Amino acid sequence: QVQLVESGGGLVQAGGSLRLSCVGSGRTFIRSGVGWFRQAPGKEREFVAAIGWSDGMIGYADSVKDRFTISRDNAKNTVYLQMNSLKPEDTAVYLCAMDSKGLFRVRPRSAAAYDIWGQGTQVTVSS
């Protein structure tokens, strides 16, 4: 039973930082591509960042490039999203997702490439 659990969200003032964590289960998670997505009320789910199992494939949405950093620690079964210089428009529920079917290799920025999702963690940035 593969499971993903996000944590690290909270309320922060504009310009501040948060570090999100996504903890997964076992070897399947370690060898899988992982993505971060976010969804604000009334808006569609948006790609944020993705990372391959070997750390050789990393991508970011233009809206977060140079502010967010995705990384993983396979020894801890964890993928991180370091978020700096946060803006009110970053406010959303942030979800991590895992590809267990190999679709990450061809569509790493598409939600359709991921089949295992966490429950999400709320990030609220005040002005």
N, C-alpha and C. Protein backbone atom coordinates (compact mmCIF):
# COMPACT_ATOMS: atom_id res chain seq x y z
N GLN A 1 0.82 -1.17 0.00
CA GLN A 1 0.00 0.00 0.00
C GLN A 1 0.88 1.25 0.00
N VAL A 2 1.07 1.81 -1.18
CA VAL A 2 1.88 3.01 -1.32
C VAL A 2 1.09 4.20 -0.78
N GLN A 3 1.76 5.03 -0.02
CA GLN A 3 1.11 6.19 0.59
C GLN A 3 2.07 7.37 0.62
N LEU A 4 1.54 8.55 0.36
CA LEU A 4 2.31 9.78 0.42
C LEU A 4 1.69 10.71 1.45
N VAL A 5 2.52 11.35 2.25
CA VAL A 5 2.05 12.26 3.28
C VAL A 5 2.85 13.55 3.20
N GLU A 6 2.16 14.67 2.97
CA GLU A 6 2.81 15.97 2.92
C GLU A 6 2.75 16.64 4.29
N SER A 7 3.73 17.49 4.55
CA SER A 7 3.75 18.28 5.76
C SER A 7 4.58 19.53 5.52
N GLY A 8 4.51 20.47 6.45
CA GLY A 8 5.33 21.66 6.38
C GLY A 8 4.60 22.92 5.97
N GLY A 9 3.34 22.80 5.60
CA GLY A 9 2.57 23.98 5.25
C GLY A 9 2.26 24.82 6.47
N GLY A 10 1.74 26.01 6.22
CA GLY A 10 1.40 26.90 7.30
C GLY A 10 1.13 28.29 6.81
N LEU A 11 1.06 29.21 7.74
CA LEU A 11 0.83 30.62 7.46
C LEU A 11 2.14 31.37 7.56
N VAL A 12 2.46 32.11 6.52
CA VAL A 12 3.71 32.85 6.49
C VAL A 12 3.49 34.21 5.83
N GLN A 13 4.25 35.18 6.25
CA GLN A 13 4.17 36.51 5.66
C GLN A 13 4.87 36.54 4.31
N ALA A 14 4.40 37.39 3.43
CA ALA A 14 5.04 37.55 2.13
C ALA A 14 6.53 37.82 2.30
N GLY A 15 7.32 37.14 1.48
CA GLY A 15 8.77 37.23 1.57
C GLY A 15 9.39 36.16 2.42
N GLY A 16 8.59 35.43 3.16
CA GLY A 16 9.09 34.38 4.02
C GLY A 16 9.32 33.07 3.29
N SER A 17 9.65 32.04 4.06
CA SER A 17 10.00 30.75 3.50
C SER A 17 9.29 29.62 4.22
N LEU A 18 9.06 28.54 3.50
CA LEU A 18 8.56 27.30 4.05
C LEU A 18 9.26 26.14 3.36
N ARG A 19 9.37 25.03 4.06
CA ARG A 19 9.92 23.82 3.48
C ARG A 19 8.89 22.71 3.61
N LEU A 20 8.39 22.25 2.48
CA LEU A 20 7.43 21.17 2.46
C LEU A 20 8.14 19.83 2.33
N SER A 21 7.56 18.83 2.95
CA SER A 21 8.08 17.47 2.87
C SER A 21 7.01 16.54 2.36
N CYS A 22 7.42 15.57 1.57
CA CYS A 22 6.55 14.51 1.09
C CYS A 22 7.22 13.18 1.41
N VAL A 23 6.63 12.44 2.32
CA VAL A 23 7.19 11.17 2.75
C VAL A 23 6.41 10.04 2.08
N GLY A 24 7.12 9.19 1.38
CA GLY A 24 6.52 8.07 0.70
C GLY A 24 6.95 6.75 1.29
N SER A 25 6.50 5.68 0.66
CA SER A 25 6.76 4.34 1.19
C SER A 25 7.66 3.55 0.26
N GLY A 26 8.73 3.05 0.82
CA GLY A 26 9.52 1.97 0.27
C GLY A 26 10.25 2.20 -1.03
N ARG A 27 10.67 1.09 -1.60
CA ARG A 27 11.50 1.09 -2.79
C ARG A 27 10.79 1.70 -3.99
N THR A 28 9.49 1.46 -4.10
CA THR A 28 8.73 1.99 -5.21
C THR A 28 8.81 3.51 -5.26
N PHE A 29 8.70 4.15 -4.10
CA PHE A 29 8.80 5.59 -4.03
C PHE A 29 10.21 6.06 -4.39
N ILE A 30 11.20 5.38 -3.88
CA ILE A 30 12.59 5.78 -4.12
C ILE A 30 12.92 5.77 -5.60
N ARG A 31 12.38 4.81 -6.33
CA ARG A 31 12.69 4.66 -7.75
C ARG A 31 11.67 5.33 -8.67
N SER A 32 10.84 6.21 -8.12
CA SER A 32 9.80 6.85 -8.90
C SER A 32 10.04 8.34 -9.05
N GLY A 33 9.54 8.89 -10.16
CA GLY A 33 9.50 10.33 -10.30
C GLY A 33 8.43 10.92 -9.38
N VAL A 34 8.70 12.09 -8.85
CA VAL A 34 7.79 12.75 -7.91
C VAL A 34 7.57 14.18 -8.36
N GLY A 35 6.33 14.63 -8.28
CA GLY A 35 5.99 15.99 -8.62
C GLY A 35 5.28 16.70 -7.49
N TRP A 36 5.42 18.01 -7.47
CA TRP A 36 4.64 18.87 -6.59
C TRP A 36 3.66 19.67 -7.44
N PHE A 37 2.42 19.69 -7.00
CA PHE A 37 1.37 20.47 -7.64
C PHE A 37 0.70 21.34 -6.59
N ARG A 38 -0.01 22.35 -7.03
CA ARG A 38 -0.77 23.17 -6.10
C ARG A 38 -2.12 23.52 -6.70
N GLN A 39 -3.08 23.76 -5.82
CA GLN A 39 -4.42 24.09 -6.26
C GLN A 39 -5.04 25.09 -5.29
N ALA A 40 -5.39 26.24 -5.83
CA ALA A 40 -6.07 27.27 -5.06
C ALA A 40 -7.57 27.18 -5.31
N PRO A 41 -8.39 27.67 -4.38
CA PRO A 41 -9.84 27.62 -4.57
C PRO A 41 -10.26 28.26 -5.88
N GLY A 42 -11.08 27.55 -6.65
CA GLY A 42 -11.57 28.06 -7.90
C GLY A 42 -10.59 28.03 -9.05
N LYS A 43 -9.42 27.47 -8.85
CA LYS A 43 -8.41 27.41 -9.89
C LYS A 43 -8.04 25.96 -10.19
N GLU A 44 -7.50 25.76 -11.37
CA GLU A 44 -7.11 24.41 -11.76
C GLU A 44 -5.80 24.01 -11.07
N ARG A 45 -5.59 22.73 -11.00
CA ARG A 45 -4.36 22.22 -10.42
C ARG A 45 -3.18 22.63 -11.29
N GLU A 46 -2.13 23.11 -10.66
CA GLU A 46 -1.00 23.69 -11.34
C GLU A 46 0.28 22.94 -11.01
N PHE A 47 1.05 22.64 -12.03
CA PHE A 47 2.35 22.03 -11.84
C PHE A 47 3.29 23.01 -11.16
N VAL A 48 4.08 22.52 -10.22
CA VAL A 48 5.05 23.36 -9.51
C VAL A 48 6.48 22.91 -9.79
N ALA A 49 6.77 21.64 -9.54
CA ALA A 49 8.13 21.14 -9.71
C ALA A 49 8.10 19.63 -9.77
N ALA A 50 9.13 19.03 -10.37
CA ALA A 50 9.23 17.59 -10.46
C ALA A 50 10.68 17.17 -10.38
N ILE A 51 10.90 15.94 -9.92
CA ILE A 51 12.24 15.41 -9.79
C ILE A 51 12.23 13.92 -10.08
N GLY A 52 13.21 13.46 -10.83
CA GLY A 52 13.34 12.05 -11.12
C GLY A 52 13.98 11.29 -9.97
N TRP A 53 13.96 9.98 -10.05
CA TRP A 53 14.45 9.16 -8.94
C TRP A 53 15.94 9.31 -8.73
N SER A 54 16.68 9.59 -9.80
CA SER A 54 18.13 9.70 -9.71
C SER A 54 18.62 11.12 -9.48
N ASP A 55 17.69 12.08 -9.38
CA ASP A 55 17.97 13.51 -9.25
C ASP A 55 18.54 14.11 -10.53
N GLY A 56 18.54 13.34 -11.61
CA GLY A 56 19.06 13.84 -12.87
C GLY A 56 18.04 14.59 -13.71
N MET A 57 16.78 14.52 -13.32
CA MET A 57 15.71 15.21 -14.04
C MET A 57 14.97 16.11 -13.07
N ILE A 58 15.07 17.40 -13.28
CA ILE A 58 14.41 18.39 -12.43
C ILE A 58 13.77 19.45 -13.31
N GLY A 59 12.56 19.83 -12.97
CA GLY A 59 11.88 20.87 -13.70
C GLY A 59 11.02 21.72 -12.80
N TYR A 60 10.81 22.98 -13.18
CA TYR A 60 10.02 23.93 -12.41
C TYR A 60 9.06 24.68 -13.30
N ALA A 61 7.93 25.04 -12.73
CA ALA A 61 7.05 25.98 -13.40
C ALA A 61 7.72 27.35 -13.45
N ASP A 62 7.44 28.09 -14.50
CA ASP A 62 8.04 29.42 -14.63
C ASP A 62 7.69 30.32 -13.45
N SER A 63 6.52 30.14 -12.87
CA SER A 63 6.06 31.00 -11.79
C SER A 63 6.84 30.82 -10.50
N VAL A 64 7.56 29.70 -10.36
CA VAL A 64 8.30 29.45 -9.13
C VAL A 64 9.80 29.31 -9.36
N LYS A 65 10.21 29.30 -10.59
CA LYS A 65 11.63 29.18 -10.90
C LYS A 65 12.42 30.28 -10.21
N ASP A 66 13.55 29.91 -9.65
CA ASP A 66 14.46 30.80 -8.92
C ASP A 66 14.00 31.11 -7.51
N ARG A 67 12.80 30.65 -7.13
CA ARG A 67 12.33 30.82 -5.76
C ARG A 67 12.17 29.50 -5.03
N PHE A 68 11.76 28.46 -5.74
CA PHE A 68 11.52 27.15 -5.14
C PHE A 68 12.62 26.19 -5.57
N THR A 69 12.92 25.23 -4.70
CA THR A 69 13.91 24.21 -5.00
C THR A 69 13.37 22.85 -4.59
N ILE A 70 13.35 21.91 -5.52
CA ILE A 70 12.92 20.56 -5.22
C ILE A 70 14.15 19.68 -5.02
N SER A 71 14.07 18.78 -4.06
CA SER A 71 15.17 17.86 -3.79
C SER A 71 14.60 16.60 -3.18
N ARG A 72 15.43 15.58 -3.07
CA ARG A 72 14.96 14.35 -2.43
C ARG A 72 16.08 13.71 -1.64
N ASP A 73 15.67 13.02 -0.60
CA ASP A 73 16.57 12.25 0.25
C ASP A 73 16.02 10.83 0.26
N ASN A 74 16.56 9.99 -0.60
CA ASN A 74 16.02 8.65 -0.74
C ASN A 74 16.22 7.80 0.52
N ALA A 75 17.24 8.12 1.30
CA ALA A 75 17.45 7.40 2.55
C ALA A 75 16.31 7.62 3.52
N LYS A 76 15.61 8.74 3.38
CA LYS A 76 14.47 9.06 4.23
C LYS A 76 13.13 8.93 3.51
N ASN A 77 13.15 8.43 2.28
CA ASN A 77 11.92 8.31 1.48
C ASN A 77 11.17 9.64 1.41
N THR A 78 11.92 10.72 1.22
CA THR A 78 11.33 12.05 1.31
C THR A 78 11.73 12.93 0.14
N VAL A 79 10.76 13.66 -0.38
CA VAL A 79 11.00 14.70 -1.36
C VAL A 79 10.64 16.03 -0.73
N TYR A 80 11.48 17.03 -0.93
CA TYR A 80 11.29 18.33 -0.32
C TYR A 80 10.97 19.39 -1.37
N LEU A 81 10.28 20.41 -0.93
CA LEU A 81 10.09 21.60 -1.73
C LEU A 81 10.41 22.80 -0.85
N GLN A 82 11.58 23.38 -1.07
CA GLN A 82 11.98 24.58 -0.36
C GLN A 82 11.41 25.78 -1.09
N MET A 83 10.62 26.58 -0.39
CA MET A 83 9.94 27.72 -0.99
C MET A 83 10.44 28.99 -0.32
N ASN A 84 11.08 29.84 -1.10
CA ASN A 84 11.60 31.11 -0.62
C ASN A 84 10.89 32.26 -1.32
N SER A 85 11.02 33.44 -0.74
CA SER A 85 10.43 34.65 -1.32
C SER A 85 8.96 34.44 -1.65
N LEU A 86 8.22 33.89 -0.72
CA LEU A 86 6.83 33.55 -0.96
C LEU A 86 5.98 34.79 -1.21
N LYS A 87 5.02 34.61 -2.10
CA LYS A 87 4.10 35.67 -2.49
C LYS A 87 2.67 35.25 -2.17
N PRO A 88 1.77 36.21 -1.97
CA PRO A 88 0.37 35.84 -1.72
C PRO A 88 -0.20 34.93 -2.79
N GLU A 89 0.21 35.08 -4.03
CA GLU A 89 -0.29 34.23 -5.10
C GLU A 89 0.20 32.79 -5.02
N ASP A 90 1.13 32.51 -4.11
CA ASP A 90 1.55 31.14 -3.86
C ASP A 90 0.58 30.39 -2.95
N THR A 91 -0.38 31.09 -2.38
CA THR A 91 -1.34 30.47 -1.48
C THR A 91 -2.12 29.38 -2.21
N ALA A 92 -2.11 28.18 -1.65
CA ALA A 92 -2.77 27.04 -2.27
C ALA A 92 -2.59 25.82 -1.38
N VAL A 93 -3.31 24.77 -1.72
CA VAL A 93 -3.02 23.46 -1.17
C VAL A 93 -1.94 22.84 -2.05
N TYR A 94 -0.87 22.40 -1.43
CA TYR A 94 0.23 21.79 -2.15
C TYR A 94 0.18 20.29 -1.99
N LEU A 95 0.25 19.59 -3.11
CA LEU A 95 0.17 18.14 -3.12
C LEU A 95 1.40 17.55 -3.77
N CYS A 96 1.87 16.45 -3.23
CA CYS A 96 2.90 15.70 -3.91
C CYS A 96 2.28 14.48 -4.57
N ALA A 97 2.92 14.01 -5.61
CA ALA A 97 2.39 12.90 -6.38
C ALA A 97 3.53 12.04 -6.90
N MET A 98 3.26 10.76 -7.05
CA MET A 98 4.26 9.81 -7.49
C MET A 98 3.80 9.08 -8.74
N ASP A 99 4.73 8.85 -9.63
CA ASP A 99 4.49 8.05 -10.82
C ASP A 99 4.98 6.64 -10.58
N SER A 100 4.08 5.69 -10.63
CA SER A 100 4.45 4.28 -10.47
C SER A 100 4.34 3.49 -11.76
N LYS A 101 4.02 4.17 -12.87
CA LYS A 101 3.78 3.49 -14.14
C LYS A 101 4.76 3.88 -15.24
N GLY A 102 5.69 4.74 -14.94
CA GLY A 102 6.69 5.14 -15.92
C GLY A 102 6.30 6.30 -16.80
N LEU A 103 5.15 6.91 -16.58
CA LEU A 103 4.71 8.03 -17.40
C LEU A 103 5.49 9.30 -17.11
N PHE A 104 6.12 9.37 -15.95
CA PHE A 104 6.94 10.53 -15.61
C PHE A 104 7.98 10.80 -16.68
N ARG A 105 8.48 9.76 -17.30
CA ARG A 105 9.55 9.91 -18.28
C ARG A 105 9.11 10.70 -19.50
N VAL A 106 7.83 10.70 -19.81
CA VAL A 106 7.35 11.38 -21.01
C VAL A 106 6.48 12.58 -20.70
N ARG A 107 5.87 12.63 -19.54
CA ARG A 107 4.99 13.75 -19.18
C ARG A 107 5.21 14.18 -17.73
N PRO A 108 6.41 14.61 -17.36
CA PRO A 108 6.69 14.94 -15.95
C PRO A 108 5.94 16.14 -15.43
N ARG A 109 5.43 17.01 -16.30
CA ARG A 109 4.72 18.20 -15.87
C ARG A 109 3.20 18.04 -15.90
N SER A 110 2.73 16.88 -16.27
CA SER A 110 1.31 16.61 -16.38
C SER A 110 0.81 15.82 -15.18
N ALA A 111 -0.29 16.26 -14.59
CA ALA A 111 -0.89 15.53 -13.49
C ALA A 111 -1.29 14.12 -13.89
N ALA A 112 -1.57 13.93 -15.17
CA ALA A 112 -1.97 12.62 -15.66
C ALA A 112 -0.86 11.59 -15.57
N ALA A 113 0.38 12.03 -15.42
CA ALA A 113 1.50 11.12 -15.32
C ALA A 113 1.64 10.50 -13.93
N TYR A 114 0.90 11.01 -12.97
CA TYR A 114 1.02 10.56 -11.58
C TYR A 114 -0.23 9.84 -11.14
N ASP A 115 -0.05 8.73 -10.47
CA ASP A 115 -1.18 7.92 -10.05
C ASP A 115 -1.33 7.78 -8.54
N ILE A 116 -0.34 8.22 -7.78
CA ILE A 116 -0.41 8.19 -6.32
C ILE A 116 -0.28 9.61 -5.81
N TRP A 117 -1.26 10.04 -5.02
CA TRP A 117 -1.31 11.42 -4.54
C TRP A 117 -1.42 11.49 -3.03
N GLY A 118 -0.77 12.50 -2.45
CA GLY A 118 -0.95 12.77 -1.03
C GLY A 118 -2.21 13.57 -0.79
N GLN A 119 -2.47 13.86 0.47
CA GLN A 119 -3.70 14.56 0.85
C GLN A 119 -3.57 16.08 0.74
N GLY A 120 -2.36 16.58 0.66
CA GLY A 120 -2.13 18.00 0.52
C GLY A 120 -1.83 18.69 1.83
N THR A 121 -1.10 19.79 1.74
CA THR A 121 -0.82 20.63 2.90
C THR A 121 -1.05 22.08 2.51
N GLN A 122 -1.72 22.81 3.37
CA GLN A 122 -2.12 24.18 3.07
C GLN A 122 -0.96 25.15 3.27
N VAL A 123 -0.74 25.99 2.28
CA VAL A 123 0.22 27.08 2.37
C VAL A 123 -0.55 28.38 2.19
N THR A 124 -0.45 29.26 3.17
CA THR A 124 -1.11 30.55 3.11
C THR A 124 -0.08 31.65 3.30
N VAL A 125 -0.01 32.55 2.34
CA VAL A 125 0.95 33.65 2.37
C VAL A 125 0.17 34.94 2.52
N SER A 126 0.40 35.64 3.60
CA SER A 126 -0.30 36.89 3.87
C SER A 126 0.51 38.07 3.37
N SER A 127 -0.18 39.14 3.07
CA SER A 127 0.49 40.36 2.63
C SER A 127 0.58 41.38 3.75
